[in-house]
Amino acid sequence: MTHGVLTTEPLDADDLRAVTAFAVHCATPVLPVFAAARPDDPRPALAVAVAADFANGGRRGKALRDAAFGALAASREVRSAAGSDAALSAMHAAGSAYLHPLAKATQVKHILGSAAHAAVALGLAPDSAPGAVHLDAVVGLSSDRMVDVLRRYPDAPPGGGMVGEWIRLLDRALRTSR
């Protein structure tokens, strides 16, 4: 696919659950990064818990949207850059259940945003040894179905700073992983 192609991609509940399960696996390890900065704020952990419930067969509804917005608000209120990216990872986990079927390159960030923000929260540079370990771990967390959903979309778009770099790196690695 090329950038700018506007086609629709059918997504069923199992597709969305596979993407959300992947995002939950990526966001869970960085919840302590946020908690270290704001131990009194449960919003990112709630976003991951609600996303995990959906991934395991729960309803897609208001609780997911509210939890995603709560984690987004937490990312803006925390005074730690790492904590902010950890909360954004959680926000992407809850928001991934609302991946749009419009085949636009920008949708790739909804699939891989949780993993990319987790890498940034952990302070990993894409070209570092720990970054390579994280990349391998993320590829290992992906299911065949999640990778199939990713391949329905165009390649990740340019831009986006360090998060964008991670999204493109993960996108390339996952598309060629199977």
Protein backbone atom coordinates (compact mmCIF):
# COMPACT_ATOMS: atom_id res chain seq x y z
CA MET A 1 0.00 0.00 0.00
CA THR A 2 1.09 3.58 -0.49
CA HIS A 3 0.53 6.64 1.66
CA GLY A 4 -2.72 8.47 1.00
CA VAL A 5 -4.74 5.53 -0.34
CA LEU A 6 -8.20 5.82 1.20
CA THR A 7 -9.76 2.41 1.23
CA THR A 8 -11.61 0.72 4.04
CA GLU A 9 -10.34 -2.35 5.77
CA PRO A 10 -12.86 -4.62 7.42
CA LEU A 11 -12.18 -5.01 11.12
CA ASP A 12 -14.13 -7.37 13.30
CA ALA A 13 -14.17 -7.61 17.08
CA ASP A 14 -11.48 -10.31 17.08
CA ASP A 15 -9.19 -8.06 15.02
CA LEU A 16 -9.67 -5.22 17.50
CA ARG A 17 -9.15 -7.57 20.43
CA ALA A 18 -5.85 -8.82 18.93
CA VAL A 19 -4.58 -5.25 18.48
CA THR A 20 -5.73 -4.31 21.98
CA ALA A 21 -4.15 -7.40 23.57
CA PHE A 22 -0.85 -6.47 21.93
CA ALA A 23 -1.13 -2.89 23.21
CA VAL A 24 -1.93 -4.12 26.72
CA HIS A 25 1.16 -6.36 26.70
CA CYS A 26 3.26 -3.36 25.65
CA ALA A 27 1.80 -0.88 28.17
CA THR A 28 1.74 -3.08 31.26
CA PRO A 29 5.52 -3.10 31.90
CA VAL A 30 5.71 0.72 31.95
CA LEU A 31 2.90 1.29 34.45
CA PRO A 32 5.52 1.38 37.27
CA VAL A 33 7.27 4.24 35.44
CA PHE A 34 4.13 6.34 35.74
CA ALA A 35 3.41 5.14 39.27
CA ALA A 36 6.90 6.22 40.38
CA ALA A 37 6.07 9.77 39.33
CA ARG A 38 2.40 9.79 40.44
CA PRO A 39 1.71 6.94 42.87
CA ASP A 40 -1.66 8.46 43.75
CA ASP A 41 -2.99 8.47 40.17
CA PRO A 42 -4.63 5.21 39.03
CA ARG A 43 -5.79 6.41 35.59
CA PRO A 44 -3.13 4.76 33.37
CA ALA A 45 -3.44 1.46 35.26
CA LEU A 46 -7.22 1.66 34.88
CA ALA A 47 -6.85 2.26 31.13
CA VAL A 48 -4.73 -0.87 30.79
CA ALA A 49 -7.12 -2.91 32.96
CA VAL A 50 -10.17 -1.84 30.94
CA ALA A 51 -8.31 -2.54 27.69
CA ALA A 52 -7.33 -5.99 28.97
CA ASP A 53 -10.97 -6.67 29.80
CA PHE A 54 -11.96 -5.80 26.23
CA ALA A 55 -9.12 -7.90 24.80
CA ASN A 56 -10.41 -10.84 26.83
CA GLY A 57 -13.96 -10.57 25.47
CA GLY A 58 -15.44 -7.59 27.28
CA ARG A 59 -17.59 -4.86 25.78
CA ARG A 60 -16.24 -2.00 23.71
CA GLY A 61 -17.95 1.03 25.15
CA LYS A 62 -17.87 4.11 27.31
CA ALA A 63 -15.54 2.62 29.91
CA LEU A 64 -12.79 2.22 27.30
CA ARG A 65 -13.21 5.75 25.98
CA ASP A 66 -13.31 7.25 29.47
CA ALA A 67 -10.24 5.28 30.55
CA ALA A 68 -8.30 6.36 27.44
CA PHE A 69 -9.18 10.02 28.05
CA GLY A 70 -8.22 9.62 31.71
CA ALA A 71 -4.79 8.27 30.81
CA LEU A 72 -4.36 11.09 28.30
CA ALA A 73 -5.16 13.64 31.00
CA ALA A 74 -2.71 11.91 33.35
CA SER A 75 0.01 12.15 30.69
CA ARG A 76 -0.47 15.92 30.61
CA GLU A 77 -0.47 16.34 34.38
CA VAL A 78 2.58 14.29 35.33
CA ARG A 79 5.84 16.24 35.61
CA SER A 80 8.02 13.40 34.33
CA ALA A 81 8.65 12.93 30.61
CA ALA A 82 9.00 9.18 31.14
CA GLY A 83 5.81 9.15 33.20
CA SER A 84 4.00 11.03 30.45
CA ASP A 85 5.03 8.48 27.82
CA ALA A 86 4.04 5.64 30.14
CA ALA A 87 0.57 7.18 30.51
CA LEU A 88 0.37 7.66 26.73
CA SER A 89 1.23 3.98 26.30
CA ALA A 90 -1.73 3.16 28.53
CA MET A 91 -3.94 5.60 26.63
CA HIS A 92 -3.05 3.89 23.35
CA ALA A 93 -3.87 0.49 24.90
CA ALA A 94 -7.42 1.61 25.71
CA GLY A 95 -7.78 3.57 22.49
CA SER A 96 -6.63 0.71 20.26
CA ALA A 97 -10.08 -0.83 20.55
CA TYR A 98 -11.26 2.08 18.38
CA LEU A 99 -8.90 1.54 15.45
CA HIS A 100 -10.55 3.02 12.36
CA PRO A 101 -11.16 0.82 9.33
CA LEU A 102 -9.99 3.64 7.04
CA ALA A 103 -6.69 2.44 5.57
CA LYS A 104 -4.60 5.51 6.30
CA ALA A 105 -0.96 5.42 7.37
CA THR A 106 -1.84 7.49 10.43
CA GLN A 107 -3.83 4.55 11.81
CA VAL A 108 -0.58 2.63 12.32
CA LYS A 109 0.12 4.82 15.35
CA HIS A 110 -3.07 3.45 16.91
CA ILE A 111 -1.75 -0.08 16.45
CA LEU A 112 1.84 0.58 17.55
CA GLY A 113 1.52 3.68 19.72
CA SER A 114 1.47 1.76 22.97
CA ALA A 115 4.70 -0.05 22.13
CA ALA A 116 6.44 3.10 20.88
CA HIS A 117 5.50 5.19 23.91
CA ALA A 118 6.60 2.32 26.17
CA ALA A 119 10.04 2.38 24.50
CA VAL A 120 10.32 6.13 24.98
CA ALA A 121 9.15 5.84 28.61
CA LEU A 122 11.91 3.31 29.20
CA GLY A 123 14.43 5.72 27.70
CA LEU A 124 15.34 3.42 24.85
CA ALA A 125 16.96 4.76 21.73
CA PRO A 126 16.02 2.80 18.59
CA ASP A 127 19.68 2.18 17.75
CA SER A 128 20.77 1.13 21.25
CA ALA A 129 21.37 -2.40 22.51
CA PRO A 130 18.46 -2.10 25.00
CA GLY A 131 16.35 -0.71 22.16
CA ALA A 132 17.10 -3.79 20.06
CA VAL A 133 16.11 -6.04 22.98
CA HIS A 134 12.84 -4.09 23.35
CA LEU A 135 12.17 -4.41 19.62
CA ASP A 136 12.66 -8.18 19.79
CA ALA A 137 10.40 -8.40 22.83
CA VAL A 138 7.64 -6.39 21.15
CA VAL A 139 7.79 -8.53 18.02
CA GLY A 140 7.50 -11.56 20.30
CA LEU A 141 4.35 -10.13 21.89
CA SER A 142 2.56 -9.85 18.58
CA SER A 143 0.05 -12.42 17.42
CA ASP A 144 -0.35 -13.49 13.81
CA ARG A 145 -3.74 -11.80 13.78
CA MET A 146 -2.36 -8.50 15.06
CA VAL A 147 0.34 -8.54 12.36
CA ASP A 148 -2.33 -9.36 9.77
CA VAL A 149 -4.31 -6.30 10.87
CA LEU A 150 -1.17 -4.13 10.71
CA ARG A 151 -0.47 -5.29 7.15
CA ARG A 152 -3.91 -4.07 6.05
CA TYR A 153 -2.70 -0.50 6.55
CA PRO A 154 -0.09 1.52 4.67
CA ASP A 155 3.42 1.79 6.11
CA ALA A 156 3.82 4.12 9.08
CA PRO A 157 4.08 7.79 8.06
CA PRO A 158 7.12 10.03 8.55
CA GLY A 159 7.50 12.44 11.46
CA GLY A 160 6.53 12.16 15.08
CA GLY A 161 9.92 12.52 16.77
CA MET A 162 11.26 9.62 18.80
CA VAL A 163 7.80 8.02 19.07
CA GLY A 164 7.48 8.22 15.29
CA GLU A 165 10.92 6.63 14.87
CA TRP A 166 9.84 3.75 17.10
CA ILE A 167 6.56 3.34 15.26
CA ARG A 168 8.37 3.07 11.91
CA LEU A 169 10.97 0.68 13.31
CA LEU A 170 8.30 -1.53 14.88
CA ASP A 171 6.16 -1.35 11.74
CA ARG A 172 9.01 -2.62 9.55
CA ALA A 173 9.99 -5.33 12.02
CA LEU A 174 6.46 -6.63 12.51
CA ARG A 175 5.57 -6.63 8.81
CA THR A 176 8.58 -8.85 8.09
CA SER A 177 8.32 -11.02 11.22
CA ARG A 178 6.19 -13.76 9.67
